[in-house]
Amino acid sequence: MRGSIVLAADDPANLARFYAALLNADPQQGWGATHWRVPWPAGGFLELYAPSGRRPQPRQPGRMALCLQQTVHAGDPAALLQAWIEQATAEGGSLLEPARHEPFGVEAWLQDPEGNRLLLLVQA
C-alpha cells in the first residue's frame, strides 16, 4: 500500500513547478497532459491534476493545508525560514501572515499560486 496527496489545479504544470522548487525536487509528467507529480519527502507523491469539466473542483479555503518542513541543525531557523519565504514568493506564492516563533519552531502561512494554504515550518 502507498499513499499520495492529491491537489486539483487550474494549471497543474505551474503548480508542480512551484512545489518542486520548494521541495528541491523535479516535477514529473503524470499519466496525461493535465497530470503532474512531485515526489513527497515522506514517500509517495503530491499529485496535481486539472479536474474534469464534468466534475469541477471549486477552490475552497478550508482548514486543511500542505505543510513543508525543514530542520536546521546549526544556524538561525528564522533566517532559513525567511529565505524559504523569499523563494516561495519569487515562485508565485504570497505571504498570508508574517513569520512567527512557536514552541515547535518558526512558521509562516502562505498561499500557493492558486490560492491554496501552505505552512512553511522550520524546526531547530
PDB file of N, CA and C in Angstrom:
ATOM      1  N   MET A   1       0.850  -1.173   0.000  1.00  0.00           N
ATOM      2  CA  MET A   1       0.000   0.000   0.000  1.00  0.00           C
ATOM      3  C   MET A   1       0.898   1.239   0.000  1.00  0.00           C
ATOM      4  N   ARG A   2       0.438   2.269  -0.655  1.00  0.00           N
ATOM      5  CA  ARG A   2       1.145   3.540  -0.670  1.00  0.00           C
ATOM      6  C   ARG A   2       0.129   4.664  -0.695  1.00  0.00           C
ATOM      7  N   GLY A   3       0.563   5.848  -0.427  1.00  0.00           N
ATOM      8  CA  GLY A   3      -0.346   6.985  -0.402  1.00  0.00           C
ATOM      9  C   GLY A   3       0.215   8.168  -1.148  1.00  0.00           C
ATOM     10  N   SER A   4      -0.679   9.054  -1.492  1.00  0.00           N
ATOM     11  CA  SER A   4      -0.314  10.296  -2.156  1.00  0.00           C
ATOM     12  C   SER A   4      -1.215  11.399  -1.651  1.00  0.00           C
ATOM     13  N   ILE A   5      -0.823  12.611  -1.910  1.00  0.00           N
ATOM     14  CA  ILE A   5      -1.634  13.783  -1.639  1.00  0.00           C
ATOM     15  C   ILE A   5      -2.111  14.282  -2.993  1.00  0.00           C
ATOM     16  N   VAL A   6      -3.398  14.567  -3.127  1.00  0.00           N
ATOM     17  CA  VAL A   6      -3.973  14.981  -4.402  1.00  0.00           C
ATOM     18  C   VAL A   6      -4.437  16.419  -4.287  1.00  0.00           C
ATOM     19  N   LEU A   7      -4.083  17.227  -5.275  1.00  0.00           N
ATOM     20  CA  LEU A   7      -4.445  18.635  -5.278  1.00  0.00           C
ATOM     21  C   LEU A   7      -4.949  19.014  -6.663  1.00  0.00           C
ATOM     22  N   ALA A   8      -6.196  19.449  -6.740  1.00  0.00           N
ATOM     23  CA  ALA A   8      -6.738  19.924  -8.010  1.00  0.00           C
ATOM     24  C   ALA A   8      -6.116  21.283  -8.332  1.00  0.00           C
ATOM     25  N   ALA A   9      -5.874  21.529  -9.611  1.00  0.00           N
ATOM     26  CA  ALA A   9      -5.202  22.760 -10.010  1.00  0.00           C
ATOM     27  C   ALA A   9      -5.724  23.242 -11.352  1.00  0.00           C
ATOM     28  N   ASP A  10      -5.826  24.552 -11.504  1.00  0.00           N
ATOM     29  CA  ASP A  10      -6.170  25.124 -12.801  1.00  0.00           C
ATOM     30  C   ASP A  10      -5.018  24.951 -13.778  1.00  0.00           C
ATOM     31  N   ASP A  11      -3.782  25.056 -13.281  1.00  0.00           N
ATOM     32  CA  ASP A  11      -2.579  24.906 -14.088  1.00  0.00           C
ATOM     33  C   ASP A  11      -1.642  23.926 -13.378  1.00  0.00           C
ATOM     34  N   PRO A  12      -1.874  22.615 -13.547  1.00  0.00           N
ATOM     35  CA  PRO A  12      -1.090  21.619 -12.815  1.00  0.00           C
ATOM     36  C   PRO A  12       0.417  21.712 -13.046  1.00  0.00           C
ATOM     37  N   ALA A  13       0.841  22.009 -14.262  1.00  0.00           N
ATOM     38  CA  ALA A  13       2.279  22.088 -14.536  1.00  0.00           C
ATOM     39  C   ALA A  13       2.920  23.221 -13.750  1.00  0.00           C
ATOM     40  N   ASN A  14       2.280  24.376 -13.715  1.00  0.00           N
ATOM     41  CA  ASN A  14       2.822  25.513 -12.978  1.00  0.00           C
ATOM     42  C   ASN A  14       2.850  25.232 -11.481  1.00  0.00           C
ATOM     43  N   LEU A  15       1.790  24.657 -10.939  1.00  0.00           N
ATOM     44  CA  LEU A  15       1.754  24.359  -9.516  1.00  0.00           C
ATOM     45  C   LEU A  15       2.773  23.276  -9.162  1.00  0.00           C
ATOM     46  N   ALA A  16       3.002  22.324 -10.054  1.00  0.00           N
ATOM     47  CA  ALA A  16       4.034  21.306  -9.840  1.00  0.00           C
ATOM     48  C   ALA A  16       5.414  21.949  -9.785  1.00  0.00           C
ATOM     49  N   ARG A  17       5.676  22.904 -10.670  1.00  0.00           N
ATOM     50  CA  ARG A  17       6.960  23.613 -10.645  1.00  0.00           C
ATOM     51  C   ARG A  17       7.137  24.365  -9.328  1.00  0.00           C
ATOM     52  N   PHE A  18       6.066  25.013  -8.833  1.00  0.00           N
ATOM     53  CA  PHE A  18       6.113  25.753  -7.579  1.00  0.00           C
ATOM     54  C   PHE A  18       6.509  24.830  -6.425  1.00  0.00           C
ATOM     55  N   TYR A  19       5.792  23.724  -6.262  1.00  0.00           N
ATOM     56  CA  TYR A  19       6.086  22.821  -5.142  1.00  0.00           C
ATOM     57  C   TYR A  19       7.417  22.098  -5.334  1.00  0.00           C
ATOM     58  N   ALA A  20       7.775  21.766  -6.551  1.00  0.00           N
ATOM     59  CA  ALA A  20       9.066  21.122  -6.792  1.00  0.00           C
ATOM     60  C   ALA A  20      10.210  22.051  -6.398  1.00  0.00           C
ATOM     61  N   ALA A  21      10.075  23.337  -6.693  1.00  0.00           N
ATOM     62  CA  ALA A  21      11.125  24.290  -6.310  1.00  0.00           C
ATOM     63  C   ALA A  21      11.265  24.355  -4.791  1.00  0.00           C
ATOM     64  N   LEU A  22      10.148  24.376  -4.072  1.00  0.00           N
ATOM     65  CA  LEU A  22      10.212  24.466  -2.614  1.00  0.00           C
ATOM     66  C   LEU A  22      10.709  23.174  -1.971  1.00  0.00           C
ATOM     67  N   LEU A  23      10.464  22.050  -2.621  1.00  0.00           N
ATOM     68  CA  LEU A  23      10.896  20.759  -2.097  1.00  0.00           C
ATOM     69  C   LEU A  23      12.245  20.320  -2.661  1.00  0.00           C
ATOM     70  N   ASN A  24      12.831  21.141  -3.519  1.00  0.00           N
ATOM     71  CA  ASN A  24      14.103  20.810  -4.161  1.00  0.00           C
ATOM     72  C   ASN A  24      13.994  19.446  -4.861  1.00  0.00           C
ATOM     73  N   ALA A  25      12.948  19.308  -5.645  1.00  0.00           N
ATOM     74  CA  ALA A  25      12.673  18.055  -6.357  1.00  0.00           C
ATOM     75  C   ALA A  25      12.401  18.374  -7.826  1.00  0.00           C
ATOM     76  N   ASP A  26      12.305  17.352  -8.630  1.00  0.00           N
ATOM     77  CA  ASP A  26      11.987  17.522 -10.044  1.00  0.00           C
ATOM     78  C   ASP A  26      10.518  17.181 -10.277  1.00  0.00           C
ATOM     79  N   PRO A  27       9.747  18.097 -10.889  1.00  0.00           N
ATOM     80  CA  PRO A  27       8.364  17.737 -11.220  1.00  0.00           C
ATOM     81  C   PRO A  27       8.363  16.692 -12.331  1.00  0.00           C
ATOM     82  N   GLN A  28       7.393  15.812 -12.289  1.00  0.00           N
ATOM     83  CA  GLN A  28       7.309  14.727 -13.262  1.00  0.00           C
ATOM     84  C   GLN A  28       5.962  14.780 -13.976  1.00  0.00           C
ATOM     85  N   GLN A  29       5.990  14.581 -15.284  1.00  0.00           N
ATOM     86  CA  GLN A  29       4.741  14.459 -16.040  1.00  0.00           C
ATOM     87  C   GLN A  29       4.020  13.223 -15.533  1.00  0.00           C
ATOM     88  N   GLY A  30       2.726  13.325 -15.324  1.00  0.00           N
ATOM     89  CA  GLY A  30       1.942  12.206 -14.809  1.00  0.00           C
ATOM     90  C   GLY A  30       1.378  11.356 -15.929  1.00  0.00           C
ATOM     91  N   TRP A  31       0.134  10.925 -15.751  1.00  0.00           N
ATOM     92  CA  TRP A  31      -0.497   9.991 -16.679  1.00  0.00           C
ATOM     93  C   TRP A  31      -1.147  10.672 -17.866  1.00  0.00           C
ATOM     94  N   GLY A  32      -1.038  11.975 -17.964  1.00  0.00           N
ATOM     95  CA  GLY A  32      -1.615  12.689 -19.096  1.00  0.00           C
ATOM     96  C   GLY A  32      -1.150  14.129 -19.076  1.00  0.00           C
ATOM     97  N   ALA A  33      -1.614  14.904 -20.040  1.00  0.00           N
ATOM     98  CA  ALA A  33      -1.168  16.295 -20.185  1.00  0.00           C
ATOM     99  C   ALA A  33      -1.586  17.179 -19.016  1.00  0.00           C
ATOM    100  N   THR A  34      -2.631  16.797 -18.300  1.00  0.00           N
ATOM    101  CA  THR A  34      -3.124  17.630 -17.196  1.00  0.00           C
ATOM    102  C   THR A  34      -2.826  17.021 -15.825  1.00  0.00           C
ATOM    103  N   HIS A  35      -1.834  16.120 -15.772  1.00  0.00           N
ATOM    104  CA  HIS A  35      -1.466  15.481 -14.509  1.00  0.00           C
ATOM    105  C   HIS A  35       0.040  15.598 -14.312  1.00  0.00           C
ATOM    106  N   TRP A  36       0.433  16.090 -13.144  1.00  0.00           N
ATOM    107  CA  TRP A  36       1.840  16.237 -12.777  1.00  0.00           C
ATOM    108  C   TRP A  36       2.051  15.661 -11.394  1.00  0.00           C
ATOM    109  N   ARG A  37       3.289  15.262 -11.103  1.00  0.00           N
ATOM    110  CA  ARG A  37       3.631  14.659  -9.818  1.00  0.00           C
ATOM    111  C   ARG A  37       4.919  15.282  -9.296  1.00  0.00           C
ATOM    112  N   VAL A  38       4.956  15.421  -7.969  1.00  0.00           N
ATOM    113  CA  VAL A  38       6.170  15.879  -7.300  1.00  0.00           C
ATOM    114  C   VAL A  38       6.451  14.881  -6.177  1.00  0.00           C
ATOM    115  N   PRO A  39       7.665  14.311  -6.125  1.00  0.00           N
ATOM    116  CA  PRO A  39       7.966  13.379  -5.045  1.00  0.00           C
ATOM    117  C   PRO A  39       7.781  14.061  -3.683  1.00  0.00           C
ATOM    118  N   TRP A  40       7.078  13.373  -2.787  1.00  0.00           N
ATOM    119  CA  TRP A  40       6.809  13.897  -1.442  1.00  0.00           C
ATOM    120  C   TRP A  40       7.891  13.371  -0.509  1.00  0.00           C
ATOM    121  N   PRO A  41       8.457  14.233   0.347  1.00  0.00           N
ATOM    122  CA  PRO A  41       9.582  13.808   1.195  1.00  0.00           C
ATOM    123  C   PRO A  41       9.297  12.578   2.057  1.00  0.00           C
ATOM    124  N   ALA A  42       8.076  12.412   2.523  1.00  0.00           N
ATOM    125  CA  ALA A  42       7.749  11.270   3.390  1.00  0.00           C
ATOM    126  C   ALA A  42       7.417  10.015   2.589  1.00  0.00           C
ATOM    127  N   GLY A  43       7.483  10.107   1.275  1.00  0.00           N
ATOM    128  CA  GLY A  43       7.124   8.985   0.410  1.00  0.00           C
ATOM    129  C   GLY A  43       5.868   9.321  -0.374  1.00  0.00           C
ATOM    130  N   GLY A  44       5.666   8.632  -1.448  1.00  0.00           N
ATOM    131  CA  GLY A  44       4.523   8.924  -2.307  1.00  0.00           C
ATOM    132  C   GLY A  44       4.766  10.184  -3.120  1.00  0.00           C
ATOM    133  N   PHE A  45       3.685  10.770  -3.589  1.00  0.00           N
ATOM    134  CA  PHE A  45       3.781  11.938  -4.458  1.00  0.00           C
ATOM    135  C   PHE A  45       2.728  12.967  -4.084  1.00  0.00           C
ATOM    136  N   LEU A  46       3.015  14.206  -4.412  1.00  0.00           N
ATOM    137  CA  LEU A  46       1.996  15.236  -4.474  1.00  0.00           C
ATOM    138  C   LEU A  46       1.483  15.159  -5.905  1.00  0.00           C
ATOM    139  N   GLU A  47       0.227  14.757  -6.064  1.00  0.00           N
ATOM    140  CA  GLU A  47      -0.387  14.576  -7.377  1.00  0.00           C
ATOM    141  C   GLU A  47      -1.171  15.836  -7.714  1.00  0.00           C
ATOM    142  N   LEU A  48      -0.848  16.484  -8.819  1.00  0.00           N
ATOM    143  CA  LEU A  48      -1.533  17.703  -9.244  1.00  0.00           C
ATOM    144  C   LEU A  48      -2.233  17.430 -10.560  1.00  0.00           C
ATOM    145  N   TYR A  49      -3.501  17.756 -10.612  1.00  0.00           N
ATOM    146  CA  TYR A  49      -4.267  17.449 -11.807  1.00  0.00           C
ATOM    147  C   TYR A  49      -5.318  18.517 -12.058  1.00  0.00           C
ATOM    148  N   ALA A  50      -5.704  18.657 -13.305  1.00  0.00           N
ATOM    149  CA  ALA A  50      -6.813  19.536 -13.669  1.00  0.00           C
ATOM    150  C   ALA A  50      -8.087  18.712 -13.557  1.00  0.00           C
ATOM    151  N   PRO A  51      -9.046  19.149 -12.755  1.00  0.00           N
ATOM    152  CA  PRO A  51     -10.266  18.367 -12.601  1.00  0.00           C
ATOM    153  C   PRO A  51     -11.076  18.317 -13.891  1.00  0.00           C
ATOM    154  N   SER A  52     -11.883  17.304 -13.998  1.00  0.00           N
ATOM    155  CA  SER A  52     -12.755  17.121 -15.155  1.00  0.00           C
ATOM    156  C   SER A  52     -13.734  18.277 -15.255  1.00  0.00           C
ATOM    157  N   GLY A  53     -14.030  18.695 -16.469  1.00  0.00           N
ATOM    158  CA  GLY A  53     -15.034  19.726 -16.683  1.00  0.00           C
ATOM    159  C   GLY A  53     -16.425  19.263 -16.274  1.00  0.00           C
ATOM    160  N   ARG A  54     -16.616  17.954 -16.248  1.00  0.00           N
ATOM    161  CA  ARG A  54     -17.913  17.401 -15.830  1.00  0.00           C
ATOM    162  C   ARG A  54     -18.045  17.350 -14.311  1.00  0.00           C
ATOM    163  N   ARG A  55     -16.897  17.395 -13.606  1.00  0.00           N
ATOM    164  CA  ARG A  55     -16.911  17.383 -12.143  1.00  0.00           C
ATOM    165  C   ARG A  55     -15.920  18.417 -11.634  1.00  0.00           C
ATOM    166  N   PRO A  56     -16.259  19.696 -11.742  1.00  0.00           N
ATOM    167  CA  PRO A  56     -15.319  20.739 -11.318  1.00  0.00           C
ATOM    168  C   PRO A  56     -15.049  20.678  -9.813  1.00  0.00           C
ATOM    169  N   GLN A  57     -13.877  21.124  -9.439  1.00  0.00           N
ATOM    170  CA  GLN A  57     -13.467  21.199  -8.040  1.00  0.00           C
ATOM    171  C   GLN A  57     -13.312  22.678  -7.680  1.00  0.00           C
ATOM    172  N   PRO A  58     -14.297  23.273  -7.014  1.00  0.00           N
ATOM    173  CA  PRO A  58     -14.168  24.697  -6.677  1.00  0.00           C
ATOM    174  C   PRO A  58     -13.052  24.929  -5.669  1.00  0.00           C
ATOM    175  N   ARG A  59     -12.455  26.094  -5.733  1.00  0.00           N
ATOM    176  CA  ARG A  59     -11.439  26.469  -4.758  1.00  0.00           C
ATOM    177  C   ARG A  59     -12.105  26.669  -3.411  1.00  0.00           C
ATOM    178  N   GLN A  60     -11.475  26.181  -2.368  1.00  0.00           N
ATOM    179  CA  GLN A  60     -12.022  26.302  -1.026  1.00  0.00           C
ATOM    180  C   GLN A  60     -10.903  26.641  -0.059  1.00  0.00           C
ATOM    181  N   PRO A  61     -11.110  27.651   0.788  1.00  0.00           N
ATOM    182  CA  PRO A  61     -10.052  27.980   1.744  1.00  0.00           C
ATOM    183  C   PRO A  61      -9.866  26.882   2.784  1.00  0.00           C
ATOM    184  N   GLY A  62     -10.935  26.366   3.352  1.00  0.00           N
ATOM    185  CA  GLY A  62     -10.883  25.229   4.260  1.00  0.00           C
ATOM    186  C   GLY A  62      -9.874  25.331   5.381  1.00  0.00           C
ATOM    187  N   ARG A  63      -9.760  24.264   6.134  1.00  0.00           N
ATOM    188  CA  ARG A  63      -8.853  24.204   7.264  1.00  0.00           C
ATOM    189  C   ARG A  63      -7.687  23.264   7.002  1.00  0.00           C
ATOM    190  N   MET A  64      -7.662  22.646   5.858  1.00  0.00           N
ATOM    191  CA  MET A  64      -6.575  21.747   5.523  1.00  0.00           C
ATOM    192  C   MET A  64      -5.533  22.502   4.708  1.00  0.00           C
ATOM    193  N   ALA A  65      -4.267  22.201   4.954  1.00  0.00           N
ATOM    194  CA  ALA A  65      -3.183  22.852   4.224  1.00  0.00           C
ATOM    195  C   ALA A  65      -2.015  21.892   4.101  1.00  0.00           C
ATOM    196  N   LEU A  66      -1.204  22.094   3.081  1.00  0.00           N
ATOM    197  CA  LEU A  66       0.057  21.374   2.986  1.00  0.00           C
ATOM    198  C   LEU A  66       1.039  22.021   3.950  1.00  0.00           C
ATOM    199  N   CYS A  67       1.893  21.218   4.538  1.00  0.00           N
ATOM    200  CA  CYS A  67       2.936  21.728   5.430  1.00  0.00           C
ATOM    201  C   CYS A  67       4.264  21.192   4.940  1.00  0.00           C
ATOM    202  N   LEU A  68       5.167  22.086   4.586  1.00  0.00           N
ATOM    203  CA  LEU A  68       6.521  21.712   4.205  1.00  0.00           C
ATOM    204  C   LEU A  68       7.421  22.038   5.387  1.00  0.00           C
ATOM    205  N   GLN A  69       8.288  21.090   5.746  1.00  0.00           N
ATOM    206  CA  GLN A  69       9.110  21.253   6.942  1.00  0.00           C
ATOM    207  C   GLN A  69      10.581  21.060   6.631  1.00  0.00           C
ATOM    208  N   GLN A  70      11.392  21.824   7.335  1.00  0.00           N
ATOM    209  CA  GLN A  70      12.838  21.639   7.314  1.00  0.00           C
ATOM    210  C   GLN A  70      13.322  21.677   8.755  1.00  0.00           C
ATOM    211  N   THR A  71      14.432  21.008   9.011  1.00  0.00           N
ATOM    212  CA  THR A  71      15.073  21.057  10.316  1.00  0.00           C
ATOM    213  C   THR A  71      16.441  21.674  10.125  1.00  0.00           C
ATOM    214  N   VAL A  72      16.765  22.627  10.977  1.00  0.00           N
ATOM    215  CA  VAL A  72      18.080  23.253  10.921  1.00  0.00           C
ATOM    216  C   VAL A  72      18.869  22.757  12.136  1.00  0.00           C
ATOM    217  N   HIS A  73      20.062  22.237  11.873  1.00  0.00           N
ATOM    218  CA  HIS A  73      20.893  21.693  12.948  1.00  0.00           C
ATOM    219  C   HIS A  73      21.902  22.710  13.455  1.00  0.00           C
ATOM    220  N   ALA A  74      22.215  23.675  12.643  1.00  0.00           N
ATOM    221  CA  ALA A  74      23.129  24.751  13.033  1.00  0.00           C
ATOM    222  C   ALA A  74      22.677  26.003  12.296  1.00  0.00           C
ATOM    223  N   GLY A  75      22.739  27.116  12.953  1.00  0.00           N
ATOM    224  CA  GLY A  75      22.321  28.357  12.317  1.00  0.00           C
ATOM    225  C   GLY A  75      20.983  28.819  12.848  1.00  0.00           C
ATOM    226  N   ASP A  76      20.464  29.826  12.205  1.00  0.00           N
ATOM    227  CA  ASP A  76      19.254  30.511  12.652  1.00  0.00           C
ATOM    228  C   ASP A  76      18.024  29.985  11.903  1.00  0.00           C
ATOM    229  N   PRO A  77      17.084  29.321  12.599  1.00  0.00           N
ATOM    230  CA  PRO A  77      15.880  28.830  11.925  1.00  0.00           C
ATOM    231  C   PRO A  77      15.083  29.951  11.255  1.00  0.00           C
ATOM    232  N   ALA A  78      15.041  31.136  11.884  1.00  0.00           N
ATOM    233  CA  ALA A  78      14.283  32.253  11.311  1.00  0.00           C
ATOM    234  C   ALA A  78      14.898  32.713   9.994  1.00  0.00           C
ATOM    235  N   ALA A  79      16.215  32.691   9.889  1.00  0.00           N
ATOM    236  CA  ALA A  79      16.877  33.088   8.643  1.00  0.00           C
ATOM    237  C   ALA A  79      16.587  32.075   7.529  1.00  0.00           C
ATOM    238  N   LEU A  80      16.599  30.788   7.877  1.00  0.00           N
ATOM    239  CA  LEU A  80      16.273  29.763   6.885  1.00  0.00           C
ATOM    240  C   LEU A  80      14.829  29.918   6.422  1.00  0.00           C
ATOM    241  N   LEU A  81      13.916  30.169   7.367  1.00  0.00           N
ATOM    242  CA  LEU A  81      12.513  30.361   7.001  1.00  0.00           C
ATOM    243  C   LEU A  81      12.350  31.577   6.104  1.00  0.00           C
ATOM    244  N   GLN A  82      13.024  32.672   6.425  1.00  0.00           N
ATOM    245  CA  GLN A  82      12.910  33.878   5.610  1.00  0.00           C
ATOM    246  C   GLN A  82      13.393  33.624   4.182  1.00  0.00           C
ATOM    247  N   ALA A  83      14.479  32.885   4.028  1.00  0.00           N
ATOM    248  CA  ALA A  83      14.972  32.550   2.683  1.00  0.00           C
ATOM    249  C   ALA A  83      13.954  31.681   1.941  1.00  0.00           C
ATOM    250  N   TRP A  84      13.302  30.774   2.647  1.00  0.00           N
ATOM    251  CA  TRP A  84      12.302  29.900   2.048  1.00  0.00           C
ATOM    252  C   TRP A  84      11.073  30.698   1.634  1.00  0.00           C
ATOM    253  N   ILE A  85      10.666  31.654   2.471  1.00  0.00           N
ATOM    254  CA  ILE A  85       9.544  32.541   2.122  1.00  0.00           C
ATOM    255  C   ILE A  85       9.873  33.329   0.854  1.00  0.00           C
ATOM    256  N   GLU A  86      11.082  33.856   0.784  1.00  0.00           N
ATOM    257  CA  GLU A  86      11.501  34.620  -0.400  1.00  0.00           C
ATOM    258  C   GLU A  86      11.477  33.746  -1.644  1.00  0.00           C
ATOM    259  N   GLN A  87      11.898  32.490  -1.512  1.00  0.00           N
ATOM    260  CA  GLN A  87      11.850  31.573  -2.652  1.00  0.00           C
ATOM    261  C   GLN A  87      10.401  31.336  -3.065  1.00  0.00           C
ATOM    262  N   ALA A  88       9.530  31.091  -2.077  1.00  0.00           N
ATOM    263  CA  ALA A  88       8.120  30.820  -2.381  1.00  0.00           C
ATOM    264  C   ALA A  88       7.458  32.010  -3.065  1.00  0.00           C
ATOM    265  N   THR A  89       7.723  33.216  -2.609  1.00  0.00           N
ATOM    266  CA  THR A  89       7.105  34.391  -3.226  1.00  0.00           C
ATOM    267  C   THR A  89       7.699  34.648  -4.613  1.00  0.00           C
ATOM    268  N   ALA A  90       8.978  34.359  -4.796  1.00  0.00           N
ATOM    269  CA  ALA A  90       9.580  34.502  -6.126  1.00  0.00           C
ATOM    270  C   ALA A  90       8.971  33.507  -7.116  1.00  0.00           C
ATOM    271  N   GLU A  91       8.516  32.356  -6.612  1.00  0.00           N
ATOM    272  CA  GLU A  91       7.912  31.320  -7.453  1.00  0.00           C
ATOM    273  C   GLU A  91       6.415  31.555  -7.673  1.00  0.00           C
ATOM    274  N   GLY A  92       5.851  32.626  -7.079  1.00  0.00           N
ATOM    275  CA  GLY A  92       4.444  32.936  -7.320  1.00  0.00           C
ATOM    276  C   GLY A  92       3.539  32.801  -6.114  1.00  0.00           C
ATOM    277  N   GLY A  93       4.074  32.383  -4.972  1.00  0.00           N
ATOM    278  CA  GLY A  93       3.280  32.303  -3.754  1.00  0.00           C
ATOM    279  C   GLY A  93       3.132  33.680  -3.127  1.00  0.00           C
ATOM    280  N   SER A  94       2.273  33.774  -2.112  1.00  0.00           N
ATOM    281  CA  SER A  94       2.125  35.048  -1.408  1.00  0.00           C
ATOM    282  C   SER A  94       2.013  34.786   0.092  1.00  0.00           C
ATOM    283  N   LEU A  95       2.595  35.681   0.849  1.00  0.00           N
ATOM    284  CA  LEU A  95       2.621  35.574   2.297  1.00  0.00           C
ATOM    285  C   LEU A  95       1.275  35.991   2.866  1.00  0.00           C
ATOM    286  N   LEU A  96       0.677  35.130   3.700  1.00  0.00           N
ATOM    287  CA  LEU A  96      -0.584  35.446   4.360  1.00  0.00           C
ATOM    288  C   LEU A  96      -0.357  36.086   5.725  1.00  0.00           C
ATOM    289  N   GLU A  97       0.606  35.550   6.465  1.00  0.00           N
ATOM    290  CA  GLU A  97       0.929  36.044   7.802  1.00  0.00           C
ATOM    291  C   GLU A  97       2.438  36.070   7.945  1.00  0.00           C
ATOM    292  N   PRO A  98       2.964  37.075   8.637  1.00  0.00           N
ATOM    293  CA  PRO A  98       4.414  37.109   8.822  1.00  0.00           C
ATOM    294  C   PRO A  98       4.904  35.918   9.643  1.00  0.00           C
ATOM    295  N   ALA A  99       6.170  35.621   9.504  1.00  0.00           N
ATOM    296  CA  ALA A  99       6.772  34.517  10.251  1.00  0.00           C
ATOM    297  C   ALA A  99       6.643  34.782  11.740  1.00  0.00           C
ATOM    298  N   ARG A 100       6.468  33.690  12.483  1.00  0.00           N
ATOM    299  CA  ARG A 100       6.396  33.834  13.934  1.00  0.00           C
ATOM    300  C   ARG A 100       7.013  32.616  14.603  1.00  0.00           C
ATOM    301  N   HIS A 101       7.535  32.865  15.792  1.00  0.00           N
ATOM    302  CA  HIS A 101       8.132  31.806  16.603  1.00  0.00           C
ATOM    303  C   HIS A 101       7.034  31.109  17.396  1.00  0.00           C
ATOM    304  N   GLU A 102       7.059  29.800  17.380  1.00  0.00           N
ATOM    305  CA  GLU A 102       6.150  28.962  18.156  1.00  0.00           C
ATOM    306  C   GLU A 102       7.012  27.998  18.965  1.00  0.00           C
ATOM    307  N   PRO A 103       6.447  27.355  19.974  1.00  0.00           N
ATOM    308  CA  PRO A 103       7.252  26.418  20.772  1.00  0.00           C
ATOM    309  C   PRO A 103       7.875  25.285  19.952  1.00  0.00           C
ATOM    310  N   PHE A 104       7.258  24.934  18.829  1.00  0.00           N
ATOM    311  CA  PHE A 104       7.732  23.820  17.996  1.00  0.00           C
ATOM    312  C   PHE A 104       8.622  24.262  16.850  1.00  0.00           C
ATOM    313  N   GLY A 105       8.816  25.580  16.651  1.00  0.00           N
ATOM    314  CA  GLY A 105       9.652  26.055  15.559  1.00  0.00           C
ATOM    315  C   GLY A 105       9.224  27.429  15.085  1.00  0.00           C
ATOM    316  N   VAL A 106       9.699  27.792  13.916  1.00  0.00           N
ATOM    317  CA  VAL A 106       9.360  29.075  13.297  1.00  0.00           C
ATOM    318  C   VAL A 106       8.494  28.758  12.081  1.00  0.00           C
ATOM    319  N   GLU A 107       7.363  29.450  11.955  1.00  0.00           N
ATOM    320  CA  GLU A 107       6.434  29.132  10.880  1.00  0.00           C
ATOM    321  C   GLU A 107       5.947  30.380  10.173  1.00  0.00           C
ATOM    322  N   ALA A 108       5.453  30.167   8.946  1.00  0.00           N
ATOM    323  CA  ALA A 108       4.810  31.231   8.186  1.00  0.00           C
ATOM    324  C   ALA A 108       3.721  30.603   7.330  1.00  0.00           C
ATOM    325  N   TRP A 109       2.578  31.286   7.251  1.00  0.00           N
ATOM    326  CA  TRP A 109       1.470  30.842   6.412  1.00  0.00           C
ATOM    327  C   TRP A 109       1.497  31.611   5.096  1.00  0.00           C
ATOM    328  N   LEU A 110       1.387  30.863   3.999  1.00  0.00           N
ATOM    329  CA  LEU A 110       1.390  31.430   2.660  1.00  0.00           C
ATOM    330  C   LEU A 110       0.224  30.875   1.866  1.00  0.00           C
ATOM    331  N   GLN A 111       0.073  31.398   0.649  1.00  0.00           N
ATOM    332  CA  GLN A 111      -0.804  30.812  -0.360  1.00  0.00           C
ATOM    333  C   GLN A 111       0.068  30.421  -1.534  1.00  0.00           C
ATOM    334  N   ASP A 112      -0.241  29.274  -2.136  1.00  0.00           N
ATOM    335  CA  ASP A 112       0.471  28.900  -3.357  1.00  0.00           C
ATOM    336  C   ASP A 112      -0.098  29.723  -4.518  1.00  0.00           C
ATOM    337  N   PRO A 113       0.422  29.585  -5.730  1.00  0.00           N
ATOM    338  CA  PRO A 113      -0.060  30.417  -6.846  1.00  0.00           C
ATOM    339  C   PRO A 113      -1.550  30.262  -7.171  1.00  0.00           C
ATOM    340  N   GLU A 114      -2.192  29.200  -6.686  1.00  0.00           N
ATOM    341  CA  GLU A 114      -3.622  29.016  -6.953  1.00  0.00           C
ATOM    342  C   GLU A 114      -4.488  29.277  -5.723  1.00  0.00           C
ATOM    343  N   GLY A 115      -3.896  29.829  -4.670  1.00  0.00           N
ATOM    344  CA  GLY A 115      -4.668  30.229  -3.502  1.00  0.00           C
ATOM    345  C   GLY A 115      -4.829  29.180  -2.425  1.00  0.00           C
ATOM    346  N   ASN A 116      -4.149  28.029  -2.553  1.00  0.00           N
ATOM    347  CA  ASN A 116      -4.197  27.014  -1.504  1.00  0.00           C
ATOM    348  C   ASN A 116      -3.314  27.433  -0.341  1.00  0.00           C
ATOM    349  N   ARG A 117      -3.771  27.156   0.882  1.00  0.00           N
ATOM    350  CA  ARG A 117      -2.983  27.492   2.059  1.00  0.00           C
ATOM    351  C   ARG A 117      -1.776  26.569   2.170  1.00  0.00           C
ATOM    352  N   LEU A 118      -0.664  27.130   2.622  1.00  0.00           N
ATOM    353  CA  LEU A 118       0.596  26.415   2.726  1.00  0.00           C
ATOM    354  C   LEU A 118       1.311  26.890   3.989  1.00  0.00           C
ATOM    355  N   LEU A 119       1.744  25.950   4.810  1.00  0.00           N
ATOM    356  CA  LEU A 119       2.511  26.274   6.006  1.00  0.00           C
ATOM    357  C   LEU A 119       3.960  25.876   5.766  1.00  0.00           C
ATOM    358  N   LEU A 120       4.865  26.832   5.947  1.00  0.00           N
ATOM    359  CA  LEU A 120       6.305  26.544   5.926  1.00  0.00           C
ATOM    360  C   LEU A 120       6.759  26.528   7.377  1.00  0.00           C
ATOM    361  N   LEU A 121       7.421  25.453   7.787  1.00  0.00           N
ATOM    362  CA  LEU A 121       7.839  25.266   9.179  1.00  0.00           C
ATOM    363  C   LEU A 121       9.307  24.884   9.225  1.00  0.00           C
ATOM    364  N   VAL A 122      10.070  25.591  10.061  1.00  0.00           N
ATOM    365  CA  VAL A 122      11.479  25.259  10.287  1.00  0.00           C
ATOM    366  C   VAL A 122      11.636  24.958  11.768  1.00  0.00           C
ATOM    367  N   GLN A 123      12.141  23.776  12.045  1.00  0.00           N
ATOM    368  CA  GLN A 123      12.371  23.354  13.424  1.00  0.00           C
ATOM    369  C   GLN A 123      13.858  23.320  13.707  1.00  0.00           C
ATOM    370  N   ALA A 124      14.216  23.692  14.923  1.00  0.00           N
ATOM    371  CA  ALA A 124      15.629  23.677  15.326  1.00  0.00           C
ATOM    372  C   ALA A 124      16.000  22.295  15.827  1.00  0.00           C
TER     373      ALA A 124
END
